[in-house]
Amino acid sequence: MIEIEKKFPSIFDKVYDYMIDYQDEDMTQRKQFVANIPFLRGLNRETITKVVFLMKQKVYDLGDLVLKQGQNNEKIMILWE
C-alpha cells in the first residue's frame, strides 16, 4: 500500500477516505481484534484501518500445517483460535 500511496497520492487519498469511513460487522470485529493485539495496541484509528484492509483471513482445519519452522515468510501471521 505504501508504494501506491507514493505513486498515486490523489487516488490513494480517495480510497483512504472510503476505508476510514467504511463500517460493517466484520470490519468492526477486525478493528477490535487488531486493537487488542498487545504489540499493536498503540496504533491510532487510521493505522488500524490500514492494517485491517491489508489482512486476509485464512481458515485452517485442526491438524493443518500453518507454518514450518525455519520457513521464510514475508507476512505477519496472527493466529486466532
Protein backbone atom coordinates (compact mmCIF):
# COMPACT_ATOMS: atom_id res chain seq x y z
CA MET A 1 0.00 0.00 0.00
CA ILE A 2 2.90 2.36 0.68
CA GLU A 3 4.07 2.22 -2.96
CA ILE A 4 0.57 3.06 -4.20
CA GLU A 5 0.42 5.93 -1.75
CA LYS A 6 3.68 7.37 -3.10
CA LYS A 7 2.97 6.81 -6.82
CA PHE A 8 -0.69 7.84 -6.88
CA PRO A 9 -1.37 10.14 -3.92
CA SER A 10 -4.70 11.52 -5.19
CA ILE A 11 -6.10 8.05 -5.86
CA PHE A 12 -4.84 6.81 -2.52
CA ASP A 13 -6.50 9.75 -0.73
CA LYS A 14 -9.88 8.87 -2.24
CA VAL A 15 -9.51 5.18 -1.38
CA TYR A 16 -8.25 6.05 2.09
CA ASP A 17 -11.28 8.30 2.75
CA TYR A 18 -13.50 5.37 1.82
CA MET A 19 -11.51 2.97 4.02
CA ILE A 20 -11.74 5.18 7.11
CA ASP A 21 -15.50 5.61 6.82
CA TYR A 22 -16.36 2.04 5.79
CA GLN A 23 -18.12 0.04 8.50
CA ASP A 24 -19.79 -3.32 8.67
CA GLU A 25 -19.89 -6.01 11.34
CA ASP A 26 -16.83 -7.85 10.01
CA MET A 27 -14.81 -4.63 9.77
CA THR A 28 -15.76 -3.64 13.31
CA GLN A 29 -14.74 -7.06 14.65
CA ARG A 30 -11.42 -6.98 12.79
CA LYS A 31 -10.62 -3.47 14.07
CA GLN A 32 -11.36 -4.57 17.65
CA PHE A 33 -9.25 -7.69 17.16
CA VAL A 34 -6.26 -5.72 15.84
CA ALA A 35 -6.60 -3.02 18.51
CA ASN A 36 -6.38 -5.69 21.23
CA ILE A 37 -3.22 -7.41 19.97
CA PRO A 38 -0.58 -6.44 22.57
CA PHE A 39 2.12 -5.25 20.16
CA LEU A 40 -0.42 -3.29 18.08
CA ARG A 41 -2.30 -1.63 20.97
CA GLY A 42 -0.70 1.78 20.50
CA LEU A 43 -1.80 2.18 16.88
CA ASN A 44 -4.13 5.04 16.03
CA ARG A 45 -7.51 4.57 14.30
CA GLU A 46 -6.16 5.30 10.82
CA THR A 47 -3.30 2.81 11.10
CA ILE A 48 -5.60 0.12 12.48
CA THR A 49 -7.89 0.66 9.48
CA LYS A 50 -4.95 0.26 7.09
CA VAL A 51 -3.88 -2.95 8.82
CA VAL A 52 -7.42 -4.35 8.66
CA PHE A 53 -7.70 -3.63 4.93
CA LEU A 54 -4.41 -5.44 4.34
CA MET A 55 -5.47 -8.50 6.34
CA LYS A 56 -6.51 -11.68 4.59
CA GLN A 57 -8.36 -14.31 6.55
CA LYS A 58 -7.41 -17.91 6.09
CA VAL A 59 -9.11 -20.74 7.96
CA TYR A 60 -7.16 -23.84 8.92
CA ASP A 61 -8.56 -27.18 9.95
CA LEU A 62 -7.36 -28.92 13.08
CA GLY A 63 -4.04 -30.58 12.28
CA ASP A 64 -3.23 -28.40 9.25
CA LEU A 65 0.36 -27.20 8.95
CA VAL A 66 0.27 -23.42 9.31
CA LEU A 67 3.95 -22.55 9.23
CA LYS A 68 7.07 -24.68 9.14
CA GLN A 69 9.93 -23.85 11.50
CA GLY A 70 12.68 -22.09 9.54
CA GLN A 71 10.37 -21.32 6.62
CA ASN A 72 10.95 -17.88 5.08
CA ASN A 73 7.83 -15.80 5.26
CA GLU A 74 7.32 -12.18 4.28
CA LYS A 75 3.96 -11.98 6.03
CA ILE A 76 2.88 -11.40 9.57
CA MET A 77 0.62 -14.19 10.72
CA ILE A 78 -1.77 -13.61 13.57
CA LEU A 79 -3.37 -16.82 14.75
CA TRP A 80 -6.76 -16.67 16.39
CA GLU A 81 -8.25 -19.79 17.91
